[in-house]
Amino acid sequence: MTKIKAVIVDDEKNGRENLRGALCQYCPEVEVVGEAKDALQAIGLINKTNPNVVFLDIEMPMGNGFKVLEFFSEPTFSVIFVTAYDHYAIQAIRFSALDYILKPIDVLQLKAAVNRYVQQQSFVDLRLKQFLKNEVRSKEDKRIALPMADKINYIKINQIIRCQGEANYTRFCLLDGTEHLVSKSLVEYEEILSGFGFIRTHKSYVVNISHIQSFVKTDGGYLIMSDRSNVPVSRRKKEAVLKVLK
């Protein structure tokens, strides 16, 4: 079996040791070829060892994990972020469909992240490049990654009219009339799109506020969207919807 060359970047010695130990015990396909304690060391180590994957801590002195990535305009490695809970950082990571594990390290979460890397190697570099581009884009120009079976679609968020939940899937309906069905729940995308002008109107719908044309009070209340589609508004969500429309 070909080993996966990995680098661990974490400013805390215990953090590096714990992750190395977990990888050694539970992910034998991974070979740790080096460790770094700050951004400067990480850049030199990555250049020297040319790893397949970098386990990258986000919160570090002398430049966080995102700053490390800015030195690699054409990254040849994949990244699995390692972080204590940080809403902004996790939202940015999930926006580009990248992987992360939370501290303290959960073995099952770690093994799942490594398995996803093995299964999706053809996509990971593209996702990282798009992540880096998203970090410098304006809020209106950011693109969300929608993983499909054989590709990843990158969609400008201002082109999304509505997201419709269908069991464990979410259907994205776009301004150009196309639709994309993604195997993630509506709840996940509600969280990812929070702060980007989207609102939950119903248990099955999240809509882009900028694409709402009118609110119709009859028939229990519903929205008319820019594509002329009708979206129901539940009784529980009505007050919140009307508030954003004022």
C-alpha atoms as a PDB file:
ATOM      1  CA  MET A   1       0.000   0.000   0.000  1.00  0.00           C
ATOM      2  CA  THR A   2       1.357   3.413  -0.981  1.00  0.00           C
ATOM      3  CA  LYS A   3       1.813   5.573   2.068  1.00  0.00           C
ATOM      4  CA  ILE A   4       0.150   8.976   2.355  1.00  0.00           C
ATOM      5  CA  LYS A   5       2.907  11.457   3.262  1.00  0.00           C
ATOM      6  CA  ALA A   6       1.626  13.875   5.885  1.00  0.00           C
ATOM      7  CA  VAL A   7       2.847  16.988   7.681  1.00  0.00           C
ATOM      8  CA  ILE A   8       1.414  18.153  11.009  1.00  0.00           C
ATOM      9  CA  VAL A   9       1.312  21.891  11.720  1.00  0.00           C
ATOM     10  CA  ASP A  10       0.335  22.915  15.271  1.00  0.00           C
ATOM     11  CA  ASP A  11       1.878  25.419  17.670  1.00  0.00           C
ATOM     12  CA  GLU A  12       1.180  23.163  20.665  1.00  0.00           C
ATOM     13  CA  LYS A  13       3.559  20.246  21.249  1.00  0.00           C
ATOM     14  CA  ASN A  14       0.809  18.164  22.887  1.00  0.00           C
ATOM     15  CA  GLY A  15      -1.416  18.777  19.896  1.00  0.00           C
ATOM     16  CA  ARG A  16       1.255  17.520  17.481  1.00  0.00           C
ATOM     17  CA  GLU A  17       2.015  14.474  19.633  1.00  0.00           C
ATOM     18  CA  ASN A  18      -1.652  13.548  20.084  1.00  0.00           C
ATOM     19  CA  LEU A  19      -2.365  13.769  16.362  1.00  0.00           C
ATOM     20  CA  ARG A  20       0.776  11.840  15.406  1.00  0.00           C
ATOM     21  CA  GLY A  21      -0.118   9.108  17.913  1.00  0.00           C
ATOM     22  CA  ALA A  22      -3.695   8.845  16.639  1.00  0.00           C
ATOM     23  CA  LEU A  23      -2.532   8.642  13.025  1.00  0.00           C
ATOM     24  CA  CYS A  24       0.062   5.989  13.866  1.00  0.00           C
ATOM     25  CA  GLN A  25      -2.440   3.850  15.748  1.00  0.00           C
ATOM     26  CA  TYR A  26      -5.611   4.281  13.714  1.00  0.00           C
ATOM     27  CA  CYS A  27      -4.514   5.400  10.234  1.00  0.00           C
ATOM     28  CA  PRO A  28      -1.537   3.190   9.281  1.00  0.00           C
ATOM     29  CA  GLU A  29      -1.799   4.319   5.669  1.00  0.00           C
ATOM     30  CA  VAL A  30      -0.553   7.765   6.776  1.00  0.00           C
ATOM     31  CA  GLU A  31       3.179   8.400   7.283  1.00  0.00           C
ATOM     32  CA  VAL A  32       4.023  11.595   9.185  1.00  0.00           C
ATOM     33  CA  VAL A  33       7.137  12.994   7.483  1.00  0.00           C
ATOM     34  CA  GLY A  34       7.484  16.155   9.561  1.00  0.00           C
ATOM     35  CA  GLU A  35       6.029  18.548  12.112  1.00  0.00           C
ATOM     36  CA  ALA A  36       6.005  22.337  12.348  1.00  0.00           C
ATOM     37  CA  LYS A  37       5.117  24.632  15.235  1.00  0.00           C
ATOM     38  CA  ASP A  38       4.417  27.867  13.342  1.00  0.00           C
ATOM     39  CA  ALA A  39       3.618  29.253   9.909  1.00  0.00           C
ATOM     40  CA  LEU A  40       7.229  29.940   8.915  1.00  0.00           C
ATOM     41  CA  GLN A  41       8.374  26.429   9.807  1.00  0.00           C
ATOM     42  CA  ALA A  42       5.345  24.985   8.034  1.00  0.00           C
ATOM     43  CA  ILE A  43       6.126  26.711   4.737  1.00  0.00           C
ATOM     44  CA  GLY A  44       9.726  25.440   4.753  1.00  0.00           C
ATOM     45  CA  LEU A  45       8.688  21.926   5.762  1.00  0.00           C
ATOM     46  CA  ILE A  46       6.014  21.662   3.067  1.00  0.00           C
ATOM     47  CA  ASN A  47       8.468  22.814   0.406  1.00  0.00           C
ATOM     48  CA  LYS A  48      11.094  20.331   1.663  1.00  0.00           C
ATOM     49  CA  THR A  49       8.939  17.200   2.082  1.00  0.00           C
ATOM     50  CA  ASN A  50       6.288  17.696  -0.644  1.00  0.00           C
ATOM     51  CA  PRO A  51       3.535  15.986   1.394  1.00  0.00           C
ATOM     52  CA  ASN A  52       0.289  14.550   0.072  1.00  0.00           C
ATOM     53  CA  VAL A  53      -1.722  16.064   2.902  1.00  0.00           C
ATOM     54  CA  VAL A  54      -1.151  18.714   5.562  1.00  0.00           C
ATOM     55  CA  PHE A  55      -2.936  18.555   8.921  1.00  0.00           C
ATOM     56  CA  LEU A  56      -3.120  22.289   9.526  1.00  0.00           C
ATOM     57  CA  ASP A  57      -4.018  23.973  12.795  1.00  0.00           C
ATOM     58  CA  ILE A  58      -5.900  27.208  12.185  1.00  0.00           C
ATOM     59  CA  GLU A  59      -5.207  29.141  15.384  1.00  0.00           C
ATOM     60  CA  MET A  60      -1.460  29.766  15.630  1.00  0.00           C
ATOM     61  CA  PRO A  61       0.761  32.687  16.624  1.00  0.00           C
ATOM     62  CA  MET A  62       2.824  34.369  13.880  1.00  0.00           C
ATOM     63  CA  GLY A  63       0.175  33.725  11.226  1.00  0.00           C
ATOM     64  CA  ASN A  64      -2.776  31.363  11.292  1.00  0.00           C
ATOM     65  CA  GLY A  65      -3.230  28.314   9.110  1.00  0.00           C
ATOM     66  CA  PHE A  66      -4.915  30.282   6.368  1.00  0.00           C
ATOM     67  CA  LYS A  67      -1.825  32.499   6.111  1.00  0.00           C
ATOM     68  CA  VAL A  68       0.339  29.419   5.501  1.00  0.00           C
ATOM     69  CA  LEU A  69      -1.741  28.565   2.445  1.00  0.00           C
ATOM     70  CA  GLU A  70      -1.296  32.034   0.945  1.00  0.00           C
ATOM     71  CA  PHE A  71       2.328  31.108   0.177  1.00  0.00           C
ATOM     72  CA  PHE A  72       1.215  28.340  -2.193  1.00  0.00           C
ATOM     73  CA  SER A  73      -0.525  29.801  -5.241  1.00  0.00           C
ATOM     74  CA  GLU A  74      -0.674  26.348  -6.865  1.00  0.00           C
ATOM     75  CA  PRO A  75      -0.812  23.887  -3.943  1.00  0.00           C
ATOM     76  CA  THR A  76       0.202  20.317  -4.772  1.00  0.00           C
ATOM     77  CA  PHE A  77      -1.041  18.975  -1.440  1.00  0.00           C
ATOM     78  CA  SER A  78      -4.386  18.526   0.264  1.00  0.00           C
ATOM     79  CA  VAL A  79      -5.371  20.017   3.607  1.00  0.00           C
ATOM     80  CA  ILE A  80      -7.291  18.675   6.561  1.00  0.00           C
ATOM     81  CA  PHE A  81      -7.803  21.568   8.959  1.00  0.00           C
ATOM     82  CA  VAL A  82      -7.495  20.997  12.698  1.00  0.00           C
ATOM     83  CA  THR A  83      -9.276  23.489  14.915  1.00  0.00           C
ATOM     84  CA  ALA A  84     -11.016  24.229  18.142  1.00  0.00           C
ATOM     85  CA  TYR A  85     -14.514  25.428  17.304  1.00  0.00           C
ATOM     86  CA  ASP A  86     -14.350  28.675  15.326  1.00  0.00           C
ATOM     87  CA  HIS A  87     -17.564  29.566  13.532  1.00  0.00           C
ATOM     88  CA  TYR A  88     -15.999  31.827  10.896  1.00  0.00           C
ATOM     89  CA  ALA A  89     -13.182  29.432  10.062  1.00  0.00           C
ATOM     90  CA  ILE A  90     -15.439  26.393   9.871  1.00  0.00           C
ATOM     91  CA  GLN A  91     -17.955  28.230   7.720  1.00  0.00           C
ATOM     92  CA  ALA A  92     -15.200  29.202   5.268  1.00  0.00           C
ATOM     93  CA  ILE A  93     -13.911  25.615   5.164  1.00  0.00           C
ATOM     94  CA  ARG A  94     -17.344  24.081   4.626  1.00  0.00           C
ATOM     95  CA  PHE A  95     -18.135  26.684   1.969  1.00  0.00           C
ATOM     96  CA  SER A  96     -15.416  25.109  -0.202  1.00  0.00           C
ATOM     97  CA  ALA A  97     -16.302  21.519   0.813  1.00  0.00           C
ATOM     98  CA  LEU A  98     -12.922  21.049   2.482  1.00  0.00           C
ATOM     99  CA  ASP A  99     -12.352  18.772   5.455  1.00  0.00           C
ATOM    100  CA  TYR A 100     -11.676  19.581   9.094  1.00  0.00           C
ATOM    101  CA  ILE A 101     -11.450  17.837  12.438  1.00  0.00           C
ATOM    102  CA  LEU A 102     -12.143  19.396  15.813  1.00  0.00           C
ATOM    103  CA  LYS A 103      -9.933  19.466  18.884  1.00  0.00           C
ATOM    104  CA  PRO A 104      -9.674  17.398  21.005  1.00  0.00           C
ATOM    105  CA  ILE A 105      -9.085  14.805  18.292  1.00  0.00           C
ATOM    106  CA  ASP A 106     -11.896  12.300  17.843  1.00  0.00           C
ATOM    107  CA  VAL A 107     -10.550   9.056  16.360  1.00  0.00           C
ATOM    108  CA  LEU A 108     -13.680   8.305  14.321  1.00  0.00           C
ATOM    109  CA  GLN A 109     -13.683  11.832  12.875  1.00  0.00           C
ATOM    110  CA  LEU A 110      -9.987  11.532  12.032  1.00  0.00           C
ATOM    111  CA  LYS A 111     -10.404   8.169  10.292  1.00  0.00           C
ATOM    112  CA  ALA A 112     -13.385   9.513   8.329  1.00  0.00           C
ATOM    113  CA  ALA A 113     -11.374  12.538   7.150  1.00  0.00           C
ATOM    114  CA  VAL A 114      -8.486  10.336   6.001  1.00  0.00           C
ATOM    115  CA  ASN A 115     -10.907   7.990   4.199  1.00  0.00           C
ATOM    116  CA  ARG A 116     -12.528  10.936   2.413  1.00  0.00           C
ATOM    117  CA  TYR A 117      -9.087  12.090   1.300  1.00  0.00           C
ATOM    118  CA  VAL A 118      -8.356   8.653  -0.165  1.00  0.00           C
ATOM    119  CA  GLN A 119     -11.700   8.528  -1.973  1.00  0.00           C
ATOM    120  CA  GLN A 120     -11.701  12.099  -3.293  1.00  0.00           C
ATOM    121  CA  GLN A 121      -8.081  12.804  -4.229  1.00  0.00           C
ATOM    122  CA  SER A 122      -9.084  13.944  -7.728  1.00  0.00           C
ATOM    123  CA  PHE A 123     -11.096  16.837  -6.230  1.00  0.00           C
ATOM    124  CA  VAL A 124      -9.042  18.013  -3.265  1.00  0.00           C
ATOM    125  CA  ASP A 125      -6.557  20.291  -5.040  1.00  0.00           C
ATOM    126  CA  LEU A 126      -9.360  22.043  -6.906  1.00  0.00           C
ATOM    127  CA  ARG A 127     -11.253  22.602  -3.660  1.00  0.00           C
ATOM    128  CA  LEU A 128      -8.184  24.090  -1.979  1.00  0.00           C
ATOM    129  CA  LYS A 129      -7.565  26.463  -4.897  1.00  0.00           C
ATOM    130  CA  GLN A 130     -11.170  27.614  -4.800  1.00  0.00           C
ATOM    131  CA  PHE A 131     -10.947  28.075  -1.035  1.00  0.00           C
ATOM    132  CA  LEU A 132      -7.951  30.392  -1.447  1.00  0.00           C
ATOM    133  CA  LYS A 133      -9.764  32.362  -4.148  1.00  0.00           C
ATOM    134  CA  ASN A 134     -12.851  32.669  -1.962  1.00  0.00           C
ATOM    135  CA  GLU A 135     -10.819  34.172   0.856  1.00  0.00           C
ATOM    136  CA  VAL A 136     -10.022  37.246  -1.250  1.00  0.00           C
ATOM    137  CA  ARG A 137     -13.372  37.535  -3.020  1.00  0.00           C
ATOM    138  CA  SER A 138     -16.011  40.012  -1.955  1.00  0.00           C
ATOM    139  CA  LYS A 139     -18.978  38.599  -0.073  1.00  0.00           C
ATOM    140  CA  GLU A 140     -21.201  38.929  -3.145  1.00  0.00           C
ATOM    141  CA  ASP A 141     -18.720  37.131  -5.410  1.00  0.00           C
ATOM    142  CA  LYS A 142     -18.001  34.118  -3.205  1.00  0.00           C
ATOM    143  CA  ARG A 143     -18.680  30.677  -4.672  1.00  0.00           C
ATOM    144  CA  ILE A 144     -20.003  27.685  -2.806  1.00  0.00           C
ATOM    145  CA  ALA A 145     -18.769  24.185  -3.660  1.00  0.00           C
ATOM    146  CA  LEU A 146     -21.526  21.675  -4.442  1.00  0.00           C
ATOM    147  CA  PRO A 147     -20.040  18.155  -4.534  1.00  0.00           C
ATOM    148  CA  MET A 148     -21.650  15.830  -7.077  1.00  0.00           C
ATOM    149  CA  ALA A 149     -20.892  12.164  -7.746  1.00  0.00           C
ATOM    150  CA  ASP A 150     -18.319  12.843 -10.465  1.00  0.00           C
ATOM    151  CA  LYS A 151     -17.498  16.556 -10.140  1.00  0.00           C
ATOM    152  CA  ILE A 152     -17.777  19.665  -8.014  1.00  0.00           C
ATOM    153  CA  ASN A 153     -19.876  22.600  -9.167  1.00  0.00           C
ATOM    154  CA  TYR A 154     -18.835  26.068  -7.953  1.00  0.00           C
ATOM    155  CA  ILE A 155     -21.815  28.394  -7.775  1.00  0.00           C
ATOM    156  CA  LYS A 156     -21.877  32.119  -7.046  1.00  0.00           C
ATOM    157  CA  ILE A 157     -24.078  32.591  -4.018  1.00  0.00           C
ATOM    158  CA  ASN A 158     -25.887  35.517  -5.641  1.00  0.00           C
ATOM    159  CA  GLN A 159     -27.083  33.108  -8.349  1.00  0.00           C
ATOM    160  CA  ILE A 160     -28.886  30.876  -5.834  1.00  0.00           C
ATOM    161  CA  ILE A 161     -32.612  31.631  -5.652  1.00  0.00           C
ATOM    162  CA  ARG A 162     -33.623  28.945  -3.175  1.00  0.00           C
ATOM    163  CA  CYS A 163     -32.515  25.707  -1.548  1.00  0.00           C
ATOM    164  CA  GLN A 164     -35.105  22.982  -1.167  1.00  0.00           C
ATOM    165  CA  GLY A 165     -34.727  20.092   1.257  1.00  0.00           C
ATOM    166  CA  GLU A 166     -35.578  16.625  -0.004  1.00  0.00           C
ATOM    167  CA  ALA A 167     -34.947  14.100   2.779  1.00  0.00           C
ATOM    168  CA  ASN A 168     -31.113  13.999   3.171  1.00  0.00           C
ATOM    169  CA  TYR A 169     -30.591  15.927  -0.071  1.00  0.00           C
ATOM    170  CA  THR A 170     -30.721  19.618  -0.958  1.00  0.00           C
ATOM    171  CA  ARG A 171     -31.839  20.944  -4.329  1.00  0.00           C
ATOM    172  CA  PHE A 172     -30.231  24.245  -5.382  1.00  0.00           C
ATOM    173  CA  CYS A 173     -32.373  26.276  -7.807  1.00  0.00           C
ATOM    174  CA  LEU A 174     -30.396  28.897  -9.709  1.00  0.00           C
ATOM    175  CA  LEU A 175     -31.106  32.110 -11.558  1.00  0.00           C
ATOM    176  CA  ASP A 176     -30.359  30.551 -14.950  1.00  0.00           C
ATOM    177  CA  GLY A 177     -33.012  27.880 -14.398  1.00  0.00           C
ATOM    178  CA  THR A 178     -30.611  25.017 -13.644  1.00  0.00           C
ATOM    179  CA  GLU A 179     -30.858  22.822 -10.569  1.00  0.00           C
ATOM    180  CA  HIS A 180     -28.253  20.883  -8.587  1.00  0.00           C
ATOM    181  CA  LEU A 181     -29.136  18.053  -6.207  1.00  0.00           C
ATOM    182  CA  VAL A 182     -26.528  17.571  -3.468  1.00  0.00           C
ATOM    183  CA  SER A 183     -26.355  14.770  -0.908  1.00  0.00           C
ATOM    184  CA  LYS A 184     -26.309  16.971   2.163  1.00  0.00           C
ATOM    185  CA  SER A 185     -29.220  18.065   4.321  1.00  0.00           C
ATOM    186  CA  LEU A 186     -30.871  21.469   4.161  1.00  0.00           C
ATOM    187  CA  VAL A 187     -29.846  22.079   7.777  1.00  0.00           C
ATOM    188  CA  GLU A 188     -26.166  21.880   6.787  1.00  0.00           C
ATOM    189  CA  TYR A 189     -26.580  24.408   3.998  1.00  0.00           C
ATOM    190  CA  GLU A 190     -28.667  26.693   6.185  1.00  0.00           C
ATOM    191  CA  GLU A 191     -25.644  26.868   8.517  1.00  0.00           C
ATOM    192  CA  ILE A 192     -23.108  27.295   5.708  1.00  0.00           C
ATOM    193  CA  LEU A 193     -25.095  30.112   4.077  1.00  0.00           C
ATOM    194  CA  SER A 194     -25.837  31.943   7.330  1.00  0.00           C
ATOM    195  CA  GLY A 195     -24.538  35.486   7.108  1.00  0.00           C
ATOM    196  CA  PHE A 196     -24.854  35.570   3.310  1.00  0.00           C
ATOM    197  CA  GLY A 197     -28.410  36.865   3.027  1.00  0.00           C
ATOM    198  CA  PHE A 198     -30.353  33.597   3.219  1.00  0.00           C
ATOM    199  CA  ILE A 199     -33.310  32.850   5.480  1.00  0.00           C
ATOM    200  CA  ARG A 200     -35.259  29.728   6.434  1.00  0.00           C
ATOM    201  CA  THR A 201     -38.922  30.186   5.490  1.00  0.00           C
ATOM    202  CA  HIS A 202     -40.201  26.663   6.019  1.00  0.00           C
ATOM    203  CA  LYS A 203     -38.904  23.260   7.123  1.00  0.00           C
ATOM    204  CA  SER A 204     -38.132  22.503   3.459  1.00  0.00           C
ATOM    205  CA  TYR A 205     -36.912  25.884   2.169  1.00  0.00           C
ATOM    206  CA  VAL A 206     -34.025  28.319   2.568  1.00  0.00           C
ATOM    207  CA  VAL A 207     -34.195  31.326   0.232  1.00  0.00           C
ATOM    208  CA  ASN A 208     -31.932  34.120  -0.950  1.00  0.00           C
ATOM    209  CA  ILE A 209     -33.466  37.311   0.423  1.00  0.00           C
ATOM    210  CA  SER A 210     -32.266  39.334  -2.579  1.00  0.00           C
ATOM    211  CA  HIS A 211     -34.387  37.131  -4.880  1.00  0.00           C
ATOM    212  CA  ILE A 212     -37.669  37.670  -2.996  1.00  0.00           C
ATOM    213  CA  GLN A 213     -40.085  39.698  -5.115  1.00  0.00           C
ATOM    214  CA  SER A 214     -43.164  39.761  -2.935  1.00  0.00           C
ATOM    215  CA  PHE A 215     -44.927  38.270   0.054  1.00  0.00           C
ATOM    216  CA  VAL A 216     -48.484  37.060  -0.534  1.00  0.00           C
ATOM    217  CA  LYS A 217     -50.642  36.974   2.593  1.00  0.00           C
ATOM    218  CA  THR A 218     -53.332  34.613   1.295  1.00  0.00           C
ATOM    219  CA  ASP A 219     -53.239  30.794   1.438  1.00  0.00           C
ATOM    220  CA  GLY A 220     -51.294  30.852   4.680  1.00  0.00           C
ATOM    221  CA  GLY A 221     -48.593  33.127   3.277  1.00  0.00           C
ATOM    222  CA  TYR A 222     -45.984  32.479   0.610  1.00  0.00           C
ATOM    223  CA  LEU A 223     -43.174  34.205  -1.267  1.00  0.00           C
ATOM    224  CA  ILE A 224     -42.902  34.883  -4.974  1.00  0.00           C
ATOM    225  CA  MET A 225     -39.276  34.580  -6.024  1.00  0.00           C
ATOM    226  CA  SER A 226     -37.411  36.164  -8.937  1.00  0.00           C
ATOM    227  CA  ASP A 227     -37.943  33.017 -11.057  1.00  0.00           C
ATOM    228  CA  ARG A 228     -41.726  33.294 -10.372  1.00  0.00           C
ATOM    229  CA  SER A 229     -41.661  30.223  -8.123  1.00  0.00           C
ATOM    230  CA  ASN A 230     -43.770  30.157  -4.965  1.00  0.00           C
ATOM    231  CA  VAL A 231     -42.138  29.320  -1.637  1.00  0.00           C
ATOM    232  CA  PRO A 232     -44.284  28.604   1.439  1.00  0.00           C
ATOM    233  CA  VAL A 233     -43.775  30.500   4.693  1.00  0.00           C
ATOM    234  CA  SER A 234     -44.575  28.537   7.823  1.00  0.00           C
ATOM    235  CA  ARG A 235     -46.429  30.115  10.715  1.00  0.00           C
ATOM    236  CA  ARG A 236     -43.311  29.860  12.886  1.00  0.00           C
ATOM    237  CA  LYS A 237     -41.121  31.631  10.317  1.00  0.00           C
ATOM    238  CA  LYS A 238     -43.574  34.329   9.233  1.00  0.00           C
ATOM    239  CA  GLU A 239     -42.453  37.006  11.709  1.00  0.00           C
ATOM    240  CA  ALA A 240     -38.759  36.567  10.856  1.00  0.00           C
ATOM    241  CA  VAL A 241     -39.477  36.690   7.115  1.00  0.00           C
ATOM    242  CA  LEU A 242     -41.586  39.834   7.373  1.00  0.00           C
ATOM    243  CA  LYS A 243     -38.883  41.473   9.487  1.00  0.00           C
ATOM    244  CA  VAL A 244     -36.188  41.071   6.813  1.00  0.00           C
ATOM    245  CA  LEU A 245     -38.584  42.368   4.140  1.00  0.00           C
ATOM    246  CA  LYS A 246     -39.246  45.662   5.892  1.00  0.00           C
END
